[in-house]
Amino acid sequence: MSNYPKAIGPYSAYREVNGLLFISGQLPINPDSGEIESHDIKEQTKQSLKNIGAILEENGISYDKVIKTTCFLADINDFVAFNEIYAEFFKAPYPARSAFAVKDIPKGAKVEIEIIAQKG
């Protein structure tokens, strides 16, 4: 079993193209249970970023090679709490980032994060 959840639809968890790793949006799914185990935004953010970390590690990449993140929040009021956890995983110089509040996220999640990282 991998350390990140399998895709929940017809898409790849990640793809590598020309030295860049594109990681599909990671939900806060525990890879062992296949479920979202917390309703807390901080815990969900941490799980999404752990899932990303597992994919990075599988590809021999660390968080400092992440160049762009796109973050989706179900509630923009969670932005401050989200940033607290995000800052635990990324250090300056931070990746470029876009963050959006969206109406719904699959499986009732509060957060979904996708990234682009540089290999090598």
PDB file of N, CA and C in Angstrom:
ATOM      1  N   MET A   1       0.847  -1.193   0.000  1.00  0.00           N
ATOM      2  CA  MET A   1       0.000   0.000   0.000  1.00  0.00           C
ATOM      3  C   MET A   1       0.885   1.246   0.000  1.00  0.00           C
ATOM      4  N   SER A   2       0.515   2.235  -0.786  1.00  0.00           N
ATOM      5  CA  SER A   2       1.299   3.466  -0.840  1.00  0.00           C
ATOM      6  C   SER A   2       0.980   4.340   0.369  1.00  0.00           C
ATOM      7  N   ASN A   3       1.808   5.350   0.568  1.00  0.00           N
ATOM      8  CA  ASN A   3       1.633   6.266   1.689  1.00  0.00           C
ATOM      9  C   ASN A   3       0.761   7.459   1.339  1.00  0.00           C
ATOM     10  N   TYR A   4       0.082   7.378   0.215  1.00  0.00           N
ATOM     11  CA  TYR A   4      -0.857   8.424  -0.175  1.00  0.00           C
ATOM     12  C   TYR A   4      -2.092   7.739  -0.757  1.00  0.00           C
ATOM     13  N   PRO A   5      -3.239   8.407  -0.695  1.00  0.00           N
ATOM     14  CA  PRO A   5      -4.466   7.761  -1.179  1.00  0.00           C
ATOM     15  C   PRO A   5      -4.479   7.615  -2.696  1.00  0.00           C
ATOM     16  N   LYS A   6      -5.114   6.566  -3.155  1.00  0.00           N
ATOM     17  CA  LYS A   6      -5.258   6.395  -4.601  1.00  0.00           C
ATOM     18  C   LYS A   6      -6.269   7.415  -5.122  1.00  0.00           C
ATOM     19  N   ALA A   7      -6.190   7.707  -6.385  1.00  0.00           N
ATOM     20  CA  ALA A   7      -7.104   8.668  -7.009  1.00  0.00           C
ATOM     21  C   ALA A   7      -8.545   8.187  -6.863  1.00  0.00           C
ATOM     22  N   ILE A   8      -9.461   9.128  -6.683  1.00  0.00           N
ATOM     23  CA  ILE A   8     -10.875   8.766  -6.518  1.00  0.00           C
ATOM     24  C   ILE A   8     -11.655   8.917  -7.817  1.00  0.00           C
ATOM     25  N   GLY A   9     -10.940   9.069  -8.916  1.00  0.00           N
ATOM     26  CA  GLY A   9     -11.584   9.208 -10.220  1.00  0.00           C
ATOM     27  C   GLY A   9     -10.615   8.816 -11.317  1.00  0.00           C
ATOM     28  N   PRO A  10     -10.988   9.079 -12.566  1.00  0.00           N
ATOM     29  CA  PRO A  10     -10.142   8.705 -13.696  1.00  0.00           C
ATOM     30  C   PRO A  10      -9.018   9.725 -13.941  1.00  0.00           C
ATOM     31  N   TYR A  11      -8.066   9.768 -13.028  1.00  0.00           N
ATOM     32  CA  TYR A  11      -6.914  10.660 -13.150  1.00  0.00           C
ATOM     33  C   TYR A  11      -5.743  10.052 -12.386  1.00  0.00           C
ATOM     34  N   SER A  12      -4.551  10.530 -12.685  1.00  0.00           N
ATOM     35  CA  SER A  12      -3.340  10.073 -12.005  1.00  0.00           C
ATOM     36  C   SER A  12      -3.091  10.924 -10.769  1.00  0.00           C
ATOM     37  N   ALA A  13      -2.546  10.317  -9.736  1.00  0.00           N
ATOM     38  CA  ALA A  13      -2.167  11.077  -8.542  1.00  0.00           C
ATOM     39  C   ALA A  13      -1.083  12.088  -8.886  1.00  0.00           C
ATOM     40  N   TYR A  14      -0.216  11.713  -9.842  1.00  0.00           N
ATOM     41  CA  TYR A  14       0.821  12.634 -10.289  1.00  0.00           C
ATOM     42  C   TYR A  14       1.318  12.221 -11.663  1.00  0.00           C
ATOM     43  N   ARG A  15       1.975  13.180 -12.327  1.00  0.00           N
ATOM     44  CA  ARG A  15       2.621  12.933 -13.626  1.00  0.00           C
ATOM     45  C   ARG A  15       3.909  13.739 -13.664  1.00  0.00           C
ATOM     46  N   GLU A  16       4.921  13.166 -14.282  1.00  0.00           N
ATOM     47  CA  GLU A  16       6.171  13.878 -14.495  1.00  0.00           C
ATOM     48  C   GLU A  16       6.297  14.225 -15.972  1.00  0.00           C
ATOM     49  N   VAL A  17       6.625  15.479 -16.249  1.00  0.00           N
ATOM     50  CA  VAL A  17       6.821  15.942 -17.618  1.00  0.00           C
ATOM     51  C   VAL A  17       7.997  16.923 -17.623  1.00  0.00           C
ATOM     52  N   ASN A  18       9.004  16.630 -18.434  1.00  0.00           N
ATOM     53  CA  ASN A  18      10.141  17.539 -18.622  1.00  0.00           C
ATOM     54  C   ASN A  18      10.746  18.041 -17.309  1.00  0.00           C
ATOM     55  N   GLY A  19      10.950  17.146 -16.369  1.00  0.00           N
ATOM     56  CA  GLY A  19      11.591  17.512 -15.112  1.00  0.00           C
ATOM     57  C   GLY A  19      10.691  18.187 -14.103  1.00  0.00           C
ATOM     58  N   LEU A  20       9.408  18.270 -14.405  1.00  0.00           N
ATOM     59  CA  LEU A  20       8.444  18.832 -13.459  1.00  0.00           C
ATOM     60  C   LEU A  20       7.502  17.734 -12.995  1.00  0.00           C
ATOM     61  N   LEU A  21       7.162  17.754 -11.722  1.00  0.00           N
ATOM     62  CA  LEU A  21       6.205  16.810 -11.163  1.00  0.00           C
ATOM     63  C   LEU A  21       4.907  17.562 -10.883  1.00  0.00           C
ATOM     64  N   PHE A  22       3.834  17.114 -11.498  1.00  0.00           N
ATOM     65  CA  PHE A  22       2.507  17.698 -11.308  1.00  0.00           C
ATOM     66  C   PHE A  22       1.718  16.757 -10.413  1.00  0.00           C
ATOM     67  N   ILE A  23       1.366  17.220  -9.220  1.00  0.00           N
ATOM     68  CA  ILE A  23       0.592  16.396  -8.293  1.00  0.00           C
ATOM     69  C   ILE A  23      -0.850  16.879  -8.312  1.00  0.00           C
ATOM     70  N   SER A  24      -1.751  15.949  -8.614  1.00  0.00           N
ATOM     71  CA  SER A  24      -3.184  16.262  -8.622  1.00  0.00           C
ATOM     72  C   SER A  24      -3.622  16.703  -7.233  1.00  0.00           C
ATOM     73  N   GLY A  25      -4.743  17.401  -7.177  1.00  0.00           N
ATOM     74  CA  GLY A  25      -5.282  17.865  -5.909  1.00  0.00           C
ATOM     75  C   GLY A  25      -5.364  16.733  -4.899  1.00  0.00           C
ATOM     76  N   GLN A  26      -4.755  16.952  -3.744  1.00  0.00           N
ATOM     77  CA  GLN A  26      -4.759  15.953  -2.681  1.00  0.00           C
ATOM     78  C   GLN A  26      -5.774  16.341  -1.618  1.00  0.00           C
ATOM     79  N   LEU A  27      -6.705  15.448  -1.419  1.00  0.00           N
ATOM     80  CA  LEU A  27      -7.696  15.605  -0.362  1.00  0.00           C
ATOM     81  C   LEU A  27      -7.087  15.127   0.954  1.00  0.00           C
ATOM     82  N   PRO A  28      -7.701  15.468   2.077  1.00  0.00           N
ATOM     83  CA  PRO A  28      -7.182  15.040   3.375  1.00  0.00           C
ATOM     84  C   PRO A  28      -7.609  13.613   3.738  1.00  0.00           C
ATOM     85  N   ILE A  29      -7.399  12.699   2.812  1.00  0.00           N
ATOM     86  CA  ILE A  29      -7.787  11.300   3.012  1.00  0.00           C
ATOM     87  C   ILE A  29      -6.632  10.554   3.663  1.00  0.00           C
ATOM     88  N   ASN A  30      -6.914   9.855   4.738  1.00  0.00           N
ATOM     89  CA  ASN A  30      -5.918   8.992   5.359  1.00  0.00           C
ATOM     90  C   ASN A  30      -5.707   7.800   4.435  1.00  0.00           C
ATOM     91  N   PRO A  31      -4.482   7.550   3.971  1.00  0.00           N
ATOM     92  CA  PRO A  31      -4.271   6.455   3.019  1.00  0.00           C
ATOM     93  C   PRO A  31      -4.526   5.074   3.614  1.00  0.00           C
ATOM     94  N   ASP A  32      -4.446   4.944   4.927  1.00  0.00           N
ATOM     95  CA  ASP A  32      -4.695   3.647   5.565  1.00  0.00           C
ATOM     96  C   ASP A  32      -6.179   3.306   5.615  1.00  0.00           C
ATOM     97  N   SER A  33      -7.000   4.305   5.927  1.00  0.00           N
ATOM     98  CA  SER A  33      -8.439   4.055   6.065  1.00  0.00           C
ATOM     99  C   SER A  33      -9.217   4.390   4.798  1.00  0.00           C
ATOM    100  N   GLY A  34      -8.650   5.249   3.942  1.00  0.00           N
ATOM    101  CA  GLY A  34      -9.370   5.699   2.757  1.00  0.00           C
ATOM    102  C   GLY A  34     -10.455   6.714   3.075  1.00  0.00           C
ATOM    103  N   GLU A  35     -10.402   7.275   4.269  1.00  0.00           N
ATOM    104  CA  GLU A  35     -11.441   8.204   4.724  1.00  0.00           C
ATOM    105  C   GLU A  35     -10.843   9.531   5.184  1.00  0.00           C
ATOM    106  N   ILE A  36     -11.681  10.558   5.191  1.00  0.00           N
ATOM    107  CA  ILE A  36     -11.343  11.816   5.837  1.00  0.00           C
ATOM    108  C   ILE A  36     -11.697  11.623   7.300  1.00  0.00           C
ATOM    109  N   GLU A  37     -10.710  11.731   8.171  1.00  0.00           N
ATOM    110  CA  GLU A  37     -10.919  11.354   9.568  1.00  0.00           C
ATOM    111  C   GLU A  37     -11.128  12.522  10.516  1.00  0.00           C
ATOM    112  N   SER A  38     -11.004  13.745  10.027  1.00  0.00           N
ATOM    113  CA  SER A  38     -11.191  14.901  10.890  1.00  0.00           C
ATOM    114  C   SER A  38     -12.002  15.960  10.153  1.00  0.00           C
ATOM    115  N   HIS A  39     -12.758  16.727  10.905  1.00  0.00           N
ATOM    116  CA  HIS A  39     -13.498  17.849  10.327  1.00  0.00           C
ATOM    117  C   HIS A  39     -12.785  19.174  10.609  1.00  0.00           C
ATOM    118  N   ASP A  40     -11.626  19.100  11.260  1.00  0.00           N
ATOM    119  CA  ASP A  40     -10.846  20.275  11.622  1.00  0.00           C
ATOM    120  C   ASP A  40      -9.973  20.716  10.447  1.00  0.00           C
ATOM    121  N   ILE A  41     -10.011  21.995  10.093  1.00  0.00           N
ATOM    122  CA  ILE A  41      -9.255  22.486   8.939  1.00  0.00           C
ATOM    123  C   ILE A  41      -7.761  22.275   9.112  1.00  0.00           C
ATOM    124  N   LYS A  42      -7.244  22.450  10.317  1.00  0.00           N
ATOM    125  CA  LYS A  42      -5.812  22.253  10.531  1.00  0.00           C
ATOM    126  C   LYS A  42      -5.418  20.797  10.301  1.00  0.00           C
ATOM    127  N   GLU A  43      -6.188  19.880  10.829  1.00  0.00           N
ATOM    128  CA  GLU A  43      -5.893  18.452  10.638  1.00  0.00           C
ATOM    129  C   GLU A  43      -6.050  18.051   9.174  1.00  0.00           C
ATOM    130  N   GLN A  44      -7.061  18.597   8.507  1.00  0.00           N
ATOM    131  CA  GLN A  44      -7.249  18.279   7.093  1.00  0.00           C
ATOM    132  C   GLN A  44      -6.102  18.843   6.246  1.00  0.00           C
ATOM    133  N   THR A  45      -5.673  20.055   6.548  1.00  0.00           N
ATOM    134  CA  THR A  45      -4.551  20.644   5.816  1.00  0.00           C
ATOM    135  C   THR A  45      -3.302  19.801   6.012  1.00  0.00           C
ATOM    136  N   LYS A  46      -3.049  19.404   7.245  1.00  0.00           N
ATOM    137  CA  LYS A  46      -1.883  18.575   7.549  1.00  0.00           C
ATOM    138  C   LYS A  46      -1.929  17.262   6.777  1.00  0.00           C
ATOM    139  N   GLN A  47      -3.093  16.615   6.714  1.00  0.00           N
ATOM    140  CA  GLN A  47      -3.198  15.335   6.006  1.00  0.00           C
ATOM    141  C   GLN A  47      -2.996  15.520   4.505  1.00  0.00           C
ATOM    142  N   SER A  48      -3.578  16.561   3.930  1.00  0.00           N
ATOM    143  CA  SER A  48      -3.368  16.823   2.499  1.00  0.00           C
ATOM    144  C   SER A  48      -1.889  17.025   2.200  1.00  0.00           C
ATOM    145  N   LEU A  49      -1.201  17.781   3.051  1.00  0.00           N
ATOM    146  CA  LEU A  49       0.219  18.041   2.831  1.00  0.00           C
ATOM    147  C   LEU A  49       1.074  16.806   3.098  1.00  0.00           C
ATOM    148  N   LYS A  50       0.663  15.958   4.022  1.00  0.00           N
ATOM    149  CA  LYS A  50       1.367  14.680   4.225  1.00  0.00           C
ATOM    150  C   LYS A  50       1.223  13.793   2.992  1.00  0.00           C
ATOM    151  N   ASN A  51       0.044  13.780   2.403  1.00  0.00           N
ATOM    152  CA  ASN A  51      -0.168  12.999   1.180  1.00  0.00           C
ATOM    153  C   ASN A  51       0.740  13.513   0.065  1.00  0.00           C
ATOM    154  N   ILE A  52       0.833  14.828  -0.058  1.00  0.00           N
ATOM    155  CA  ILE A  52       1.732  15.424  -1.042  1.00  0.00           C
ATOM    156  C   ILE A  52       3.173  15.023  -0.734  1.00  0.00           C
ATOM    157  N   GLY A  53       3.547  15.078   0.536  1.00  0.00           N
ATOM    158  CA  GLY A  53       4.900  14.704   0.937  1.00  0.00           C
ATOM    159  C   GLY A  53       5.246  13.275   0.571  1.00  0.00           C
ATOM    160  N   ALA A  54       4.285  12.368   0.694  1.00  0.00           N
ATOM    161  CA  ALA A  54       4.523  10.965   0.338  1.00  0.00           C
ATOM    162  C   ALA A  54       4.789  10.822  -1.159  1.00  0.00           C
ATOM    163  N   ILE A  55       4.068  11.579  -1.966  1.00  0.00           N
ATOM    164  CA  ILE A  55       4.291  11.539  -3.419  1.00  0.00           C
ATOM    165  C   ILE A  55       5.642  12.162  -3.756  1.00  0.00           C
ATOM    166  N   LEU A  56       5.958  13.283  -3.119  1.00  0.00           N
ATOM    167  CA  LEU A  56       7.264  13.903  -3.335  1.00  0.00           C
ATOM    168  C   LEU A  56       8.377  12.919  -2.992  1.00  0.00           C
ATOM    169  N   GLU A  57       8.271  12.291  -1.830  1.00  0.00           N
ATOM    170  CA  GLU A  57       9.296  11.342  -1.379  1.00  0.00           C
ATOM    171  C   GLU A  57       9.442  10.174  -2.351  1.00  0.00           C
ATOM    172  N   GLU A  58       8.320   9.649  -2.818  1.00  0.00           N
ATOM    173  CA  GLU A  58       8.357   8.548  -3.786  1.00  0.00           C
ATOM    174  C   GLU A  58       9.133   8.936  -5.041  1.00  0.00           C
ATOM    175  N   ASN A  59       9.154  10.222  -5.335  1.00  0.00           N
ATOM    176  CA  ASN A  59       9.833  10.730  -6.525  1.00  0.00           C
ATOM    177  C   ASN A  59      11.183  11.376  -6.216  1.00  0.00           C
ATOM    178  N   GLY A  60      11.663  11.200  -4.983  1.00  0.00           N
ATOM    179  CA  GLY A  60      12.974  11.722  -4.613  1.00  0.00           C
ATOM    180  C   GLY A  60      13.045  13.229  -4.518  1.00  0.00           C
ATOM    181  N   ILE A  61      11.935  13.849  -4.128  1.00  0.00           N
ATOM    182  CA  ILE A  61      11.845  15.311  -4.066  1.00  0.00           C
ATOM    183  C   ILE A  61      11.456  15.720  -2.647  1.00  0.00           C
ATOM    184  N   SER A  62      11.944  16.877  -2.206  1.00  0.00           N
ATOM    185  CA  SER A  62      11.545  17.419  -0.911  1.00  0.00           C
ATOM    186  C   SER A  62      10.633  18.635  -1.124  1.00  0.00           C
ATOM    187  N   TYR A  63      10.020  19.093  -0.036  1.00  0.00           N
ATOM    188  CA  TYR A  63       9.098  20.234  -0.121  1.00  0.00           C
ATOM    189  C   TYR A  63       9.773  21.489  -0.681  1.00  0.00           C
ATOM    190  N   ASP A  64      11.096  21.621  -0.486  1.00  0.00           N
ATOM    191  CA  ASP A  64      11.758  22.836  -0.971  1.00  0.00           C
ATOM    192  C   ASP A  64      11.855  22.897  -2.493  1.00  0.00           C
ATOM    193  N   LYS A  65      11.500  21.817  -3.173  1.00  0.00           N
ATOM    194  CA  LYS A  65      11.486  21.797  -4.640  1.00  0.00           C
ATOM    195  C   LYS A  65      10.102  22.134  -5.211  1.00  0.00           C
ATOM    196  N   VAL A  66       9.135  22.384  -4.328  1.00  0.00           N
ATOM    197  CA  VAL A  66       7.796  22.774  -4.786  1.00  0.00           C
ATOM    198  C   VAL A  66       7.861  24.220  -5.263  1.00  0.00           C
ATOM    199  N   ILE A  67       7.411  24.447  -6.504  1.00  0.00           N
ATOM    200  CA  ILE A  67       7.490  25.798  -7.061  1.00  0.00           C
ATOM    201  C   ILE A  67       6.134  26.499  -7.147  1.00  0.00           C
ATOM    202  N   LYS A  68       5.044  25.732  -7.088  1.00  0.00           N
ATOM    203  CA  LYS A  68       3.702  26.337  -7.205  1.00  0.00           C
ATOM    204  C   LYS A  68       2.694  25.455  -6.496  1.00  0.00           C
ATOM    205  N   THR A  69       1.821  26.063  -5.721  1.00  0.00           N
ATOM    206  CA  THR A  69       0.696  25.339  -5.129  1.00  0.00           C
ATOM    207  C   THR A  69      -0.603  26.040  -5.514  1.00  0.00           C
ATOM    208  N   THR A  70      -1.630  25.252  -5.654  1.00  0.00           N
ATOM    209  CA  THR A  70      -2.983  25.779  -5.827  1.00  0.00           C
ATOM    210  C   THR A  70      -3.812  25.158  -4.717  1.00  0.00           C
ATOM    211  N   CYS A  71      -4.452  26.009  -3.928  1.00  0.00           N
ATOM    212  CA  CYS A  71      -5.149  25.570  -2.724  1.00  0.00           C
ATOM    213  C   CYS A  71      -6.626  25.937  -2.820  1.00  0.00           C
ATOM    214  N   PHE A  72      -7.455  24.966  -2.523  1.00  0.00           N
ATOM    215  CA  PHE A  72      -8.903  25.153  -2.569  1.00  0.00           C
ATOM    216  C   PHE A  72      -9.451  24.981  -1.161  1.00  0.00           C
ATOM    217  N   LEU A  73     -10.199  25.972  -0.698  1.00  0.00           N
ATOM    218  CA  LEU A  73     -10.808  25.933   0.631  1.00  0.00           C
ATOM    219  C   LEU A  73     -12.322  25.983   0.492  1.00  0.00           C
ATOM    220  N   ALA A  74     -12.998  25.183   1.278  1.00  0.00           N
ATOM    221  CA  ALA A  74     -14.460  25.201   1.261  1.00  0.00           C
ATOM    222  C   ALA A  74     -14.999  26.454   1.954  1.00  0.00           C
ATOM    223  N   ASP A  75     -14.194  27.049   2.840  1.00  0.00           N
ATOM    224  CA  ASP A  75     -14.621  28.238   3.584  1.00  0.00           C
ATOM    225  C   ASP A  75     -13.423  29.177   3.719  1.00  0.00           C
ATOM    226  N   ILE A  76     -13.494  30.347   3.127  1.00  0.00           N
ATOM    227  CA  ILE A  76     -12.376  31.291   3.166  1.00  0.00           C
ATOM    228  C   ILE A  76     -12.075  31.739   4.590  1.00  0.00           C
ATOM    229  N   ASN A  77     -13.015  31.589   5.502  1.00  0.00           N
ATOM    230  CA  ASN A  77     -12.767  31.920   6.905  1.00  0.00           C
ATOM    231  C   ASN A  77     -11.750  30.979   7.546  1.00  0.00           C
ATOM    232  N   ASP A  78     -11.441  29.868   6.890  1.00  0.00           N
ATOM    233  CA  ASP A  78     -10.420  28.933   7.372  1.00  0.00           C
ATOM    234  C   ASP A  78      -9.016  29.321   6.913  1.00  0.00           C
ATOM    235  N   PHE A  79      -8.892  30.422   6.187  1.00  0.00           N
ATOM    236  CA  PHE A  79      -7.623  30.804   5.558  1.00  0.00           C
ATOM    237  C   PHE A  79      -6.485  30.973   6.568  1.00  0.00           C
ATOM    238  N   VAL A  80      -6.738  31.626   7.685  1.00  0.00           N
ATOM    239  CA  VAL A  80      -5.689  31.860   8.688  1.00  0.00           C
ATOM    240  C   VAL A  80      -5.219  30.535   9.282  1.00  0.00           C
ATOM    241  N   ALA A  81      -6.150  29.682   9.678  1.00  0.00           N
ATOM    242  CA  ALA A  81      -5.788  28.377  10.247  1.00  0.00           C
ATOM    243  C   ALA A  81      -5.060  27.521   9.209  1.00  0.00           C
ATOM    244  N   PHE A  82      -5.516  27.562   7.968  1.00  0.00           N
ATOM    245  CA  PHE A  82      -4.857  26.848   6.876  1.00  0.00           C
ATOM    246  C   PHE A  82      -3.404  27.305   6.747  1.00  0.00           C
ATOM    247  N   ASN A  83      -3.184  28.623   6.767  1.00  0.00           N
ATOM    248  CA  ASN A  83      -1.837  29.174   6.621  1.00  0.00           C
ATOM    249  C   ASN A  83      -0.903  28.754   7.750  1.00  0.00           C
ATOM    250  N   GLU A  84      -1.435  28.605   8.961  1.00  0.00           N
ATOM    251  CA  GLU A  84      -0.607  28.165  10.091  1.00  0.00           C
ATOM    252  C   GLU A  84       0.041  26.815   9.791  1.00  0.00           C
ATOM    253  N   ILE A  85      -0.751  25.883   9.293  1.00  0.00           N
ATOM    254  CA  ILE A  85      -0.233  24.543   8.990  1.00  0.00           C
ATOM    255  C   ILE A  85       0.621  24.578   7.731  1.00  0.00           C
ATOM    256  N   TYR A  86       0.188  25.290   6.724  1.00  0.00           N
ATOM    257  CA  TYR A  86       0.938  25.409   5.466  1.00  0.00           C
ATOM    258  C   TYR A  86       2.373  25.859   5.749  1.00  0.00           C
ATOM    259  N   ALA A  87       2.534  26.838   6.641  1.00  0.00           N
ATOM    260  CA  ALA A  87       3.855  27.382   6.970  1.00  0.00           C
ATOM    261  C   ALA A  87       4.740  26.369   7.691  1.00  0.00           C
ATOM    262  N   GLU A  88       4.168  25.315   8.249  1.00  0.00           N
ATOM    263  CA  GLU A  88       4.968  24.258   8.874  1.00  0.00           C
ATOM    264  C   GLU A  88       5.636  23.370   7.825  1.00  0.00           C
ATOM    265  N   PHE A  89       5.090  23.335   6.623  1.00  0.00           N
ATOM    266  CA  PHE A  89       5.592  22.457   5.570  1.00  0.00           C
ATOM    267  C   PHE A  89       6.473  23.183   4.560  1.00  0.00           C
ATOM    268  N   PHE A  90       6.229  24.471   4.358  1.00  0.00           N
ATOM    269  CA  PHE A  90       6.977  25.250   3.372  1.00  0.00           C
ATOM    270  C   PHE A  90       7.718  26.384   4.062  1.00  0.00           C
ATOM    271  N   LYS A  91       8.963  26.585   3.656  1.00  0.00           N
ATOM    272  CA  LYS A  91       9.805  27.640   4.213  1.00  0.00           C
ATOM    273  C   LYS A  91      10.188  28.611   3.098  1.00  0.00           C
ATOM    274  N   ALA A  92      10.606  29.808   3.487  1.00  0.00           N
ATOM    275  CA  ALA A  92      11.049  30.810   2.515  1.00  0.00           C
ATOM    276  C   ALA A  92      12.298  30.299   1.791  1.00  0.00           C
ATOM    277  N   PRO A  93      12.423  30.545   0.511  1.00  0.00           N
ATOM    278  CA  PRO A  93      11.435  31.227  -0.322  1.00  0.00           C
ATOM    279  C   PRO A  93      10.246  30.307  -0.609  1.00  0.00           C
ATOM    280  N   TYR A  94       9.076  30.781  -0.269  1.00  0.00           N
ATOM    281  CA  TYR A  94       7.855  29.987  -0.418  1.00  0.00           C
ATOM    282  C   TYR A  94       7.533  29.736  -1.884  1.00  0.00           C
ATOM    283  N   PRO A  95       6.802  28.650  -2.149  1.00  0.00           N
ATOM    284  CA  PRO A  95       6.327  28.437  -3.522  1.00  0.00           C
ATOM    285  C   PRO A  95       5.356  29.549  -3.919  1.00  0.00           C
ATOM    286  N   ALA A  96       5.260  29.805  -5.209  1.00  0.00           N
ATOM    287  CA  ALA A  96       4.173  30.661  -5.692  1.00  0.00           C
ATOM    288  C   ALA A  96       2.870  29.960  -5.319  1.00  0.00           C
ATOM    289  N   ARG A  97       1.809  30.719  -5.101  1.00  0.00           N
ATOM    290  CA  ARG A  97       0.573  30.081  -4.639  1.00  0.00           C
ATOM    291  C   ARG A  97      -0.654  30.852  -5.080  1.00  0.00           C
ATOM    292  N   SER A  98      -1.699  30.094  -5.384  1.00  0.00           N
ATOM    293  CA  SER A  98      -3.041  30.643  -5.558  1.00  0.00           C
ATOM    294  C   SER A  98      -3.923  29.928  -4.553  1.00  0.00           C
ATOM    295  N   ALA A  99      -4.863  30.655  -3.970  1.00  0.00           N
ATOM    296  CA  ALA A  99      -5.802  30.043  -3.027  1.00  0.00           C
ATOM    297  C   ALA A  99      -7.197  30.558  -3.347  1.00  0.00           C
ATOM    298  N   PHE A 100      -8.146  29.648  -3.354  1.00  0.00           N
ATOM    299  CA  PHE A 100      -9.518  29.978  -3.721  1.00  0.00           C
ATOM    300  C   PHE A 100     -10.498  29.376  -2.731  1.00  0.00           C
ATOM    301  N   ALA A 101     -11.575  30.091  -2.479  1.00  0.00           N
ATOM    302  CA  ALA A 101     -12.719  29.501  -1.791  1.00  0.00           C
ATOM    303  C   ALA A 101     -13.620  28.937  -2.877  1.00  0.00           C
ATOM    304  N   VAL A 102     -14.047  27.709  -2.706  1.00  0.00           N
ATOM    305  CA  VAL A 102     -14.898  27.043  -3.691  1.00  0.00           C
ATOM    306  C   VAL A 102     -16.161  26.540  -3.003  1.00  0.00           C
ATOM    307  N   LYS A 103     -17.193  26.316  -3.784  1.00  0.00           N
ATOM    308  CA  LYS A 103     -18.474  25.903  -3.212  1.00  0.00           C
ATOM    309  C   LYS A 103     -18.405  24.530  -2.560  1.00  0.00           C
ATOM    310  N   ASP A 104     -17.842  23.567  -3.257  1.00  0.00           N
ATOM    311  CA  ASP A 104     -17.765  22.202  -2.734  1.00  0.00           C
ATOM    312  C   ASP A 104     -16.442  21.567  -3.121  1.00  0.00           C
ATOM    313  N   ILE A 105     -15.950  20.704  -2.249  1.00  0.00           N
ATOM    314  CA  ILE A 105     -14.759  19.908  -2.509  1.00  0.00           C
ATOM    315  C   ILE A 105     -15.187  18.449  -2.380  1.00  0.00           C
ATOM    316  N   PRO A 106     -14.664  17.557  -3.238  1.00  0.00           N
ATOM    317  CA  PRO A 106     -15.080  16.152  -3.168  1.00  0.00           C
ATOM    318  C   PRO A 106     -14.977  15.559  -1.760  1.00  0.00           C
ATOM    319  N   LYS A 107     -15.876  14.646  -1.484  1.00  0.00           N
ATOM    320  CA  LYS A 107     -15.947  13.906  -0.222  1.00  0.00           C
ATOM    321  C   LYS A 107     -16.220  14.803   0.984  1.00  0.00           C
ATOM    322  N   GLY A 108     -16.700  16.020   0.738  1.00  0.00           N
ATOM    323  CA  GLY A 108     -17.014  16.926   1.838  1.00  0.00           C
ATOM    324  C   GLY A 108     -15.788  17.506   2.527  1.00  0.00           C
ATOM    325  N   ALA A 109     -14.638  17.447   1.863  1.00  0.00           N
ATOM    326  CA  ALA A 109     -13.397  17.963   2.449  1.00  0.00           C
ATOM    327  C   ALA A 109     -13.462  19.478   2.596  1.00  0.00           C
ATOM    328  N   LYS A 110     -12.635  19.991   3.494  1.00  0.00           N
ATOM    329  CA  LYS A 110     -12.518  21.435   3.679  1.00  0.00           C
ATOM    330  C   LYS A 110     -11.363  22.022   2.880  1.00  0.00           C
ATOM    331  N   VAL A 111     -10.463  21.149   2.388  1.00  0.00           N
ATOM    332  CA  VAL A 111      -9.275  21.623   1.684  1.00  0.00           C
ATOM    333  C   VAL A 111      -8.842  20.606   0.634  1.00  0.00           C
ATOM    334  N   GLU A 112      -8.262  21.112  -0.440  1.00  0.00           N
ATOM    335  CA  GLU A 112      -7.622  20.291  -1.467  1.00  0.00           C
ATOM    336  C   GLU A 112      -6.434  21.099  -1.982  1.00  0.00           C
ATOM    337  N   ILE A 113      -5.293  20.434  -2.149  1.00  0.00           N
ATOM    338  CA  ILE A 113      -4.073  21.131  -2.556  1.00  0.00           C
ATOM    339  C   ILE A 113      -3.422  20.383  -3.708  1.00  0.00           C
ATOM    340  N   GLU A 114      -3.056  21.126  -4.763  1.00  0.00           N
ATOM    341  CA  GLU A 114      -2.290  20.542  -5.863  1.00  0.00           C
ATOM    342  C   GLU A 114      -0.972  21.289  -5.982  1.00  0.00           C
ATOM    343  N   ILE A 115       0.040  20.628  -6.526  1.00  0.00           N
ATOM    344  CA  ILE A 115       1.346  21.266  -6.600  1.00  0.00           C
ATOM    345  C   ILE A 115       2.070  20.953  -7.906  1.00  0.00           C
ATOM    346  N   ILE A 116       3.055  21.794  -8.173  1.00  0.00           N
ATOM    347  CA  ILE A 116       4.044  21.554  -9.221  1.00  0.00           C
ATOM    348  C   ILE A 116       5.403  21.638  -8.536  1.00  0.00           C
ATOM    349  N   ALA A 117       6.242  20.629  -8.765  1.00  0.00           N
ATOM    350  CA  ALA A 117       7.574  20.603  -8.160  1.00  0.00           C
ATOM    351  C   ALA A 117       8.629  20.344  -9.227  1.00  0.00           C
ATOM    352  N   GLN A 118       9.839  20.785  -8.949  1.00  0.00           N
ATOM    353  CA  GLN A 118      10.989  20.583  -9.836  1.00  0.00           C
ATOM    354  C   GLN A 118      11.718  19.316  -9.417  1.00  0.00           C
ATOM    355  N   LYS A 119      11.950  18.428 -10.370  1.00  0.00           N
ATOM    356  CA  LYS A 119      12.756  17.239 -10.080  1.00  0.00           C
ATOM    357  C   LYS A 119      14.224  17.572 -10.298  1.00  0.00           C
ATOM    358  N   GLY A 120      15.079  16.908  -9.526  1.00  0.00           N
ATOM    359  CA  GLY A 120      16.520  17.071  -9.721  1.00  0.00           C
ATOM    360  C   GLY A 120      17.113  18.278  -9.074  1.00  0.00           C
TER     361      GLY A 120
END
